[in-house]
N, C-alpha and C. Protein backbone atom coordinates (compact mmCIF):
# COMPACT_ATOMS: atom_id res chain seq x y z
N MET A 1 -5.62 -91.39 46.51
CA MET A 1 -5.26 -90.37 44.94
C MET A 1 -5.99 -89.59 44.88
N THR A 2 -5.34 -88.23 44.22
CA THR A 2 -5.59 -86.92 43.87
C THR A 2 -5.80 -86.98 42.36
N THR A 3 -5.84 -87.78 41.88
CA THR A 3 -5.44 -87.40 40.67
C THR A 3 -6.90 -88.25 39.48
N PHE A 4 -7.28 -87.51 38.85
CA PHE A 4 -8.34 -88.41 37.68
C PHE A 4 -8.56 -88.63 36.58
N ASN A 5 -8.43 -88.96 35.88
CA ASN A 5 -8.06 -89.07 34.60
C ASN A 5 -9.28 -89.68 33.47
N THR A 6 -9.19 -89.17 32.39
CA THR A 6 -10.38 -89.86 31.81
C THR A 6 -9.60 -89.21 30.14
N SER A 7 -10.34 -89.50 29.13
CA SER A 7 -10.09 -89.18 27.91
C SER A 7 -11.15 -89.48 26.96
N ARG A 8 -10.78 -88.71 25.54
CA ARG A 8 -12.26 -89.52 25.08
C ARG A 8 -12.00 -88.97 23.09
N GLU A 9 -11.84 -89.72 22.46
CA GLU A 9 -10.83 -89.32 21.25
C GLU A 9 -11.64 -88.75 20.36
N ILE A 10 -12.12 -87.28 20.04
CA ILE A 10 -12.82 -86.82 19.06
C ILE A 10 -12.49 -86.76 17.88
N PRO A 11 -12.98 -87.20 16.57
CA PRO A 11 -13.09 -87.19 15.08
C PRO A 11 -13.00 -85.83 14.53
N ALA A 12 -11.49 -84.95 14.90
CA ALA A 12 -11.30 -83.73 14.77
C ALA A 12 -10.22 -83.03 15.03
N ALA A 13 -9.52 -82.46 13.95
CA ALA A 13 -8.16 -82.47 14.18
C ALA A 13 -7.65 -81.78 15.81
N PRO A 14 -6.61 -81.91 16.33
CA PRO A 14 -6.32 -80.88 17.44
C PRO A 14 -6.47 -79.65 16.96
N ASP A 15 -6.26 -78.82 16.53
CA ASP A 15 -6.62 -76.82 16.31
C ASP A 15 -8.17 -76.54 15.96
N LEU A 16 -8.74 -77.64 15.92
CA LEU A 16 -10.34 -77.33 16.21
C LEU A 16 -10.59 -78.04 17.25
N VAL A 17 -10.55 -78.84 18.13
CA VAL A 17 -11.11 -78.87 19.29
C VAL A 17 -9.98 -78.02 20.48
N PHE A 18 -8.56 -77.44 20.12
CA PHE A 18 -7.91 -76.19 20.54
C PHE A 18 -9.39 -74.86 20.36
N ALA A 19 -10.07 -75.33 19.94
CA ALA A 19 -10.90 -74.15 19.31
C ALA A 19 -11.85 -73.73 20.01
N ALA A 20 -12.06 -74.72 20.34
CA ALA A 20 -13.44 -75.08 21.67
C ALA A 20 -13.25 -74.32 22.80
N ILE A 21 -11.25 -74.44 22.97
CA ILE A 21 -11.29 -74.06 24.61
C ILE A 21 -10.85 -72.54 24.36
N ARG A 22 -10.42 -72.06 23.70
CA ARG A 22 -10.23 -70.66 23.85
C ARG A 22 -11.44 -69.97 23.46
N ASN A 23 -11.98 -70.07 22.88
CA ASN A 23 -12.84 -69.15 22.75
C ASN A 23 -13.84 -69.35 23.79
N PRO A 24 -14.25 -68.34 24.81
CA PRO A 24 -15.00 -67.92 26.05
C PRO A 24 -16.49 -68.51 25.62
N GLN A 25 -17.00 -68.17 24.64
CA GLN A 25 -18.53 -68.20 24.13
C GLN A 25 -19.02 -69.82 23.74
N ARG A 26 -17.63 -70.42 23.48
CA ARG A 26 -17.66 -72.14 23.14
C ARG A 26 -17.48 -72.98 24.37
N LEU A 27 -16.58 -72.54 24.87
CA LEU A 27 -16.43 -72.65 26.47
C LEU A 27 -17.31 -72.61 27.24
N ALA A 28 -18.17 -71.78 27.14
CA ALA A 28 -19.45 -71.69 27.73
C ALA A 28 -20.51 -72.42 27.85
N ARG A 29 -20.50 -73.23 26.19
CA ARG A 29 -21.61 -74.02 26.08
C ARG A 29 -21.18 -75.53 26.36
N TRP A 30 -19.80 -75.70 26.47
CA TRP A 30 -19.55 -77.13 26.94
C TRP A 30 -19.09 -77.23 28.48
N TRP A 31 -18.36 -76.59 28.64
CA TRP A 31 -18.04 -76.43 30.37
C TRP A 31 -18.96 -76.79 30.92
N GLY A 32 -17.99 -77.66 32.23
CA GLY A 32 -19.07 -78.39 33.26
C GLY A 32 -19.93 -79.97 32.76
N PRO A 33 -20.63 -80.11 34.21
CA PRO A 33 -21.45 -81.59 33.86
C PRO A 33 -22.65 -81.24 32.94
N ALA A 34 -23.15 -82.66 32.47
CA ALA A 34 -24.29 -82.26 31.58
C ALA A 34 -25.57 -81.38 32.67
N GLY A 35 -26.08 -81.10 32.10
CA GLY A 35 -26.92 -80.14 32.74
C GLY A 35 -26.78 -78.91 33.46
N PHE A 36 -25.24 -78.52 33.50
CA PHE A 36 -24.99 -77.05 33.47
C PHE A 36 -24.89 -76.03 32.31
N THR A 37 -25.12 -74.73 32.90
CA THR A 37 -24.17 -73.60 31.93
C THR A 37 -23.79 -72.99 32.73
N ASN A 38 -23.35 -71.96 31.86
CA ASN A 38 -21.78 -71.45 32.45
C ASN A 38 -22.06 -70.21 31.90
N THR A 39 -22.11 -69.02 33.31
CA THR A 39 -21.42 -67.20 32.75
C THR A 39 -20.27 -66.81 32.87
N ILE A 40 -19.58 -66.88 31.72
CA ILE A 40 -17.91 -66.00 31.96
C ILE A 40 -17.92 -64.92 32.31
N THR A 41 -17.53 -64.37 33.34
CA THR A 41 -17.24 -63.04 33.28
C THR A 41 -15.70 -61.97 33.41
N GLY A 42 -14.86 -63.82 33.31
CA GLY A 42 -13.91 -62.90 32.93
C GLY A 42 -13.03 -63.92 32.36
N PHE A 43 -12.02 -63.60 31.19
CA PHE A 43 -11.17 -64.26 30.59
C PHE A 43 -10.05 -64.40 29.74
N ASP A 44 -8.94 -64.24 30.43
CA ASP A 44 -7.95 -64.10 29.37
C ASP A 44 -6.98 -65.16 29.20
N PHE A 45 -7.14 -65.05 28.19
CA PHE A 45 -6.80 -66.28 27.63
C PHE A 45 -5.25 -66.53 27.52
N THR A 46 -4.38 -66.27 28.29
CA THR A 46 -2.88 -66.02 28.63
C THR A 46 -2.22 -66.57 29.32
N PRO A 47 -1.02 -67.43 29.13
CA PRO A 47 -0.49 -67.64 30.71
C PRO A 47 -0.32 -66.68 31.96
N GLY A 48 -0.75 -67.12 32.73
CA GLY A 48 -1.14 -66.65 34.16
C GLY A 48 -2.69 -65.87 34.10
N GLY A 49 -3.55 -65.82 32.93
CA GLY A 49 -4.58 -65.10 32.99
C GLY A 49 -5.75 -65.27 33.78
N ARG A 50 -6.39 -64.97 34.24
CA ARG A 50 -7.67 -65.13 35.02
C ARG A 50 -8.56 -65.67 33.98
N TRP A 51 -9.63 -67.17 35.32
CA TRP A 51 -10.53 -66.97 34.00
C TRP A 51 -11.49 -66.80 35.49
N SER A 52 -12.54 -66.08 35.25
CA SER A 52 -13.62 -66.08 35.99
C SER A 52 -15.07 -66.59 35.66
N LEU A 53 -15.58 -67.78 36.16
CA LEU A 53 -16.89 -67.96 35.61
C LEU A 53 -17.90 -68.58 36.64
N THR A 54 -19.27 -68.50 36.71
CA THR A 54 -20.32 -68.71 37.44
C THR A 54 -20.54 -70.33 36.67
N MET A 55 -20.45 -71.36 37.94
CA MET A 55 -21.62 -72.44 36.87
C MET A 55 -23.10 -72.50 37.25
N HIS A 56 -24.35 -72.49 36.59
CA HIS A 56 -25.32 -72.55 36.96
C HIS A 56 -25.89 -74.09 37.04
N GLY A 57 -25.62 -74.76 38.24
CA GLY A 57 -26.16 -76.10 38.36
C GLY A 57 -28.00 -76.19 37.62
N PRO A 58 -28.05 -77.45 37.49
CA PRO A 58 -29.64 -78.14 36.73
C PRO A 58 -30.38 -77.73 38.18
N ASN A 59 -29.91 -77.40 39.32
CA ASN A 59 -30.86 -77.21 40.66
C ASN A 59 -31.05 -75.58 41.02
N GLY A 60 -30.34 -74.88 40.14
CA GLY A 60 -30.97 -73.60 40.17
C GLY A 60 -29.42 -73.12 41.49
N ALA A 61 -28.85 -73.95 41.64
CA ALA A 61 -27.37 -73.09 42.94
C ALA A 61 -26.43 -72.78 41.94
N ASN A 62 -25.90 -71.55 41.95
CA ASN A 62 -24.94 -71.28 41.39
C ASN A 62 -23.20 -71.23 42.01
N TYR A 63 -22.43 -71.70 41.41
CA TYR A 63 -21.03 -72.06 42.02
C TYR A 63 -20.20 -71.08 40.98
N PRO A 64 -19.50 -70.52 41.93
CA PRO A 64 -18.35 -69.57 41.53
C PRO A 64 -17.35 -70.05 41.87
N ASN A 65 -16.50 -69.49 40.28
CA ASN A 65 -15.19 -70.39 40.01
C ASN A 65 -13.50 -69.47 39.93
N GLU A 66 -13.07 -69.34 40.46
CA GLU A 66 -11.96 -68.79 39.72
C GLU A 66 -10.76 -69.82 39.80
N LEU A 67 -10.21 -69.34 38.21
CA LEU A 67 -9.31 -70.08 37.55
C LEU A 67 -8.06 -68.82 36.96
N VAL A 68 -6.68 -70.28 37.66
CA VAL A 68 -5.85 -69.01 36.03
C VAL A 68 -5.23 -70.26 35.56
N PHE A 69 -5.13 -69.69 34.34
CA PHE A 69 -4.40 -70.05 32.97
C PHE A 69 -3.00 -70.50 33.54
N ALA A 70 -2.32 -71.41 33.83
CA ALA A 70 -0.91 -72.45 34.42
C ALA A 70 -0.24 -72.36 32.81
N VAL A 71 -0.93 -73.51 32.09
CA VAL A 71 0.08 -73.56 30.70
C VAL A 71 -0.92 -73.37 29.46
N ILE A 72 -0.12 -72.65 28.62
CA ILE A 72 -0.92 -72.79 26.94
C ILE A 72 0.19 -72.80 26.03
N ASP A 73 -0.26 -74.55 25.31
CA ASP A 73 0.85 -74.52 24.57
C ASP A 73 -0.40 -75.34 23.26
N ALA A 74 0.09 -74.01 22.19
CA ALA A 74 -1.79 -74.80 21.14
C ALA A 74 -0.87 -75.11 20.22
N PRO A 75 -1.68 -76.10 19.55
CA PRO A 75 -2.86 -76.44 20.10
C PRO A 75 -2.81 -78.08 21.28
N GLY A 76 -1.45 -78.32 21.63
CA GLY A 76 -1.46 -79.24 21.98
C GLY A 76 -1.78 -79.47 23.94
N ARG A 77 -2.46 -78.42 24.66
CA ARG A 77 -2.30 -78.58 25.92
C ARG A 77 -2.92 -77.15 26.55
N VAL A 78 -3.63 -76.99 27.50
CA VAL A 78 -3.83 -76.24 28.41
C VAL A 78 -3.99 -76.69 29.49
N ALA A 79 -3.45 -75.80 30.72
CA ALA A 79 -4.25 -76.39 32.16
C ALA A 79 -3.87 -74.88 32.66
N VAL A 80 -4.98 -75.63 33.65
CA VAL A 80 -6.16 -74.06 34.75
C VAL A 80 -5.56 -74.91 36.01
N GLN A 81 -5.03 -74.01 36.62
CA GLN A 81 -5.46 -74.02 38.42
C GLN A 81 -6.50 -73.35 38.82
N HIS A 82 -7.33 -74.08 39.36
CA HIS A 82 -8.57 -74.05 40.02
C HIS A 82 -8.33 -72.97 41.72
N VAL A 83 -8.13 -72.00 41.27
CA VAL A 83 -7.43 -71.55 42.32
C VAL A 83 -8.88 -70.95 43.55
N SER A 84 -10.16 -71.33 43.50
CA SER A 84 -10.78 -71.19 44.71
C SER A 84 -11.15 -72.24 44.78
N GLU A 85 -11.91 -73.15 46.09
CA GLU A 85 -12.28 -74.12 46.80
C GLU A 85 -13.51 -75.08 45.80
N PRO A 86 -12.95 -76.34 45.43
CA PRO A 86 -11.54 -76.76 46.10
C PRO A 86 -10.69 -76.49 44.95
N LYS A 87 -9.39 -76.90 45.55
CA LYS A 87 -8.11 -76.17 44.50
C LYS A 87 -7.56 -77.25 43.82
N PHE A 88 -7.45 -77.15 42.55
CA PHE A 88 -7.05 -78.40 41.91
C PHE A 88 -6.28 -77.83 40.60
N LEU A 89 -5.35 -78.82 40.19
CA LEU A 89 -4.80 -78.73 38.53
C LEU A 89 -5.74 -79.57 37.38
N LEU A 90 -5.92 -78.51 37.03
CA LEU A 90 -6.50 -79.48 35.44
C LEU A 90 -5.53 -78.92 33.94
N THR A 91 -5.01 -80.94 33.65
CA THR A 91 -4.43 -80.27 32.57
C THR A 91 -5.20 -81.53 31.15
N ILE A 92 -5.54 -80.61 29.91
CA ILE A 92 -6.22 -81.28 29.26
C ILE A 92 -5.01 -81.18 27.71
N THR A 93 -4.76 -82.37 27.50
CA THR A 93 -3.69 -82.62 26.22
C THR A 93 -4.55 -83.30 25.34
N LEU A 94 -4.26 -82.72 23.65
CA LEU A 94 -4.48 -83.29 23.00
C LEU A 94 -3.75 -83.96 22.08
N ALA A 95 -3.60 -84.75 21.62
CA ALA A 95 -2.67 -85.67 20.45
C ALA A 95 -3.63 -86.27 19.28
N ALA A 96 -3.21 -85.86 18.56
CA ALA A 96 -3.50 -86.09 17.00
C ALA A 96 -3.07 -87.60 16.95
N THR A 97 -4.78 -88.03 15.99
CA THR A 97 -4.40 -89.68 15.88
C THR A 97 -5.00 -89.37 14.82
N ALA A 98 -4.79 -90.84 13.91
CA ALA A 98 -5.77 -91.40 13.42
C ALA A 98 -6.96 -91.12 12.47
N ALA A 99 -7.85 -91.18 13.87
CA ALA A 99 -8.87 -90.42 13.63
C ALA A 99 -9.33 -89.53 14.02
N GLY A 100 -8.28 -88.57 14.33
CA GLY A 100 -8.58 -87.66 15.00
C GLY A 100 -8.02 -86.48 16.26
N THR A 101 -8.60 -86.46 17.31
CA THR A 101 -7.69 -86.22 18.99
C THR A 101 -7.99 -86.80 19.69
N LEU A 102 -6.99 -87.18 20.30
CA LEU A 102 -6.72 -87.65 22.15
C LEU A 102 -7.08 -87.00 22.53
N VAL A 103 -8.24 -86.80 23.68
CA VAL A 103 -8.43 -85.58 24.32
C VAL A 103 -8.07 -86.23 25.82
N SER A 104 -6.89 -86.06 26.51
CA SER A 104 -6.90 -86.51 27.59
C SER A 104 -6.84 -85.52 28.96
N TRP A 105 -8.06 -85.82 29.71
CA TRP A 105 -8.49 -84.85 30.92
C TRP A 105 -7.61 -85.50 32.40
N ALA A 106 -6.87 -84.69 32.94
CA ALA A 106 -5.99 -84.76 34.27
C ALA A 106 -6.18 -83.95 35.36
N GLN A 107 -7.24 -84.07 36.07
CA GLN A 107 -7.81 -83.09 37.33
C GLN A 107 -6.67 -83.95 38.16
N THR A 108 -5.95 -82.82 39.42
CA THR A 108 -4.73 -83.20 40.30
C THR A 108 -5.47 -82.62 41.60
N PHE A 109 -6.30 -82.71 42.56
CA PHE A 109 -6.35 -82.14 43.69
C PHE A 109 -5.16 -81.86 44.75
N GLU A 110 -4.84 -81.06 45.43
CA GLU A 110 -3.94 -80.69 46.36
C GLU A 110 -4.24 -81.42 47.61
N SER A 111 -5.56 -81.60 47.64
CA SER A 111 -5.78 -82.74 49.27
C SER A 111 -6.25 -84.04 48.89
N ALA A 112 -5.62 -84.83 49.33
CA ALA A 112 -6.29 -86.49 49.12
C ALA A 112 -7.72 -86.46 49.91
N GLU A 113 -8.02 -85.97 50.69
CA GLU A 113 -9.30 -86.01 51.29
C GLU A 113 -10.23 -85.48 50.59
N VAL A 114 -9.86 -83.92 49.56
CA VAL A 114 -10.63 -83.34 48.93
C VAL A 114 -11.14 -84.61 48.38
N ALA A 115 -10.26 -84.97 47.34
CA ALA A 115 -10.49 -85.84 46.19
C ALA A 115 -11.26 -87.25 46.54
N ALA A 116 -11.00 -87.84 47.92
CA ALA A 116 -11.76 -88.92 47.83
C ALA A 116 -13.33 -88.42 48.08
N ARG A 117 -13.36 -87.01 48.40
CA ARG A 117 -14.83 -86.78 48.90
C ARG A 117 -15.18 -86.88 47.55
N LEU A 118 -14.89 -85.91 46.71
CA LEU A 118 -15.29 -85.67 45.37
C LEU A 118 -15.71 -86.85 43.97
N GLU A 119 -14.68 -87.68 44.80
CA GLU A 119 -14.49 -88.90 43.56
C GLU A 119 -16.10 -89.51 42.48
N PRO A 120 -16.76 -89.56 43.69
CA PRO A 120 -18.25 -90.35 43.13
C PRO A 120 -18.86 -88.60 41.92
N ILE A 121 -18.61 -87.63 41.98
CA ILE A 121 -19.10 -86.44 41.75
C ILE A 121 -18.01 -85.81 40.40
N VAL A 122 -16.65 -86.14 40.76
CA VAL A 122 -15.90 -85.50 39.92
C VAL A 122 -15.40 -86.68 38.60
N VAL A 123 -15.56 -88.00 38.75
CA VAL A 123 -15.12 -89.05 37.63
C VAL A 123 -16.43 -89.13 36.76
N PRO A 124 -18.24 -89.40 36.74
CA PRO A 124 -18.71 -88.87 35.84
C PRO A 124 -18.54 -88.03 35.39
N ALA A 125 -18.55 -86.23 36.25
CA ALA A 125 -18.67 -85.07 35.62
C ALA A 125 -17.66 -84.62 34.73
N ASN A 126 -16.64 -85.16 34.86
CA ASN A 126 -15.39 -84.95 34.01
C ASN A 126 -15.83 -85.89 32.48
N ASP A 127 -16.00 -86.77 32.78
CA ASP A 127 -16.69 -87.77 31.35
C ASP A 127 -17.41 -87.05 30.83
N GLN A 128 -18.34 -86.46 31.11
CA GLN A 128 -19.34 -85.24 31.34
C GLN A 128 -19.12 -84.15 29.97
N ASN A 129 -17.91 -83.88 30.89
CA ASN A 129 -17.41 -82.29 30.34
C ASN A 129 -16.96 -82.89 28.79
N LEU A 130 -16.37 -83.77 28.68
CA LEU A 130 -15.63 -84.73 27.54
C LEU A 130 -16.48 -84.99 26.40
N GLU A 131 -17.92 -85.35 26.37
CA GLU A 131 -18.94 -85.62 25.93
C GLU A 131 -19.36 -84.21 25.14
N ARG A 132 -19.15 -82.96 25.93
CA ARG A 132 -19.69 -82.10 25.95
C ARG A 132 -19.11 -80.74 24.98
N LEU A 133 -17.75 -81.41 25.39
CA LEU A 133 -16.17 -81.07 24.42
C LEU A 133 -17.17 -81.44 22.66
N ALA A 134 -17.04 -82.27 22.74
CA ALA A 134 -17.02 -83.31 21.50
C ALA A 134 -18.13 -82.43 20.79
N ALA A 135 -19.27 -83.04 21.53
CA ALA A 135 -21.11 -82.47 21.06
C ALA A 135 -20.41 -80.79 20.24
N GLU A 136 -19.82 -79.93 21.48
CA GLU A 136 -19.31 -78.34 20.56
C GLU A 136 -18.74 -78.94 19.35
N VAL A 137 -17.25 -79.38 19.27
CA VAL A 137 -16.87 -79.56 18.14
C VAL A 137 -17.42 -80.23 16.90
N LEU A 138 -17.70 -80.57 17.02
CA LEU A 138 -18.72 -82.11 15.93
C LEU A 138 -19.85 -80.73 15.45
N GLN A 139 -20.35 -79.83 16.19
CA GLN A 139 -21.47 -79.19 16.12
C GLN A 139 -21.33 -78.28 14.52
N PRO A 140 -22.34 -78.40 13.34
CA PRO A 140 -21.93 -77.93 12.68
C PRO A 140 -21.58 -76.51 12.90
N PRO A 141 -21.09 -75.47 11.75
CA PRO A 141 -20.59 -74.32 11.79
C PRO A 141 -22.16 -73.33 11.87
N SER A 142 -21.92 -71.90 12.79
CA SER A 142 -23.24 -70.97 12.65
C SER A 142 -23.07 -70.68 11.63
N VAL A 143 -24.66 -70.19 10.94
CA VAL A 143 -24.36 -69.09 9.86
C VAL A 143 -24.96 -67.90 9.87
N GLY A 144 -24.26 -67.26 9.18
CA GLY A 144 -25.00 -65.90 9.84
C GLY A 144 -23.66 -65.11 10.79
């Protein structure tokens, strides 16, 4: 198995969820598993555009990441190719529901061996990502 899927329903319209993905300041607040913070150093939100960031782990370690936006179909889908190791394609799909938006997250690794090795980390991390995304979308707008 090389693809890991998770989903979460967020009680907000797809355009509100999409706004938390396309805005680099907001994305930096929720991207990654629980306890991580991010420094985004490049963010060209266009098809073929690059996204460079360093994820800062709760253990103090830094994890540089390079990605390319493969697909941007507002407000329904974003796909990013993780071009640094480990290589994977992440597709985030947003579908309107009666209660808000179903966010589906599919992470496909190029290597089955890498996927198997990372599964114990990736499965809970992807769920934590969606939990953090939901919190970002549902937080009250900042004043001022």
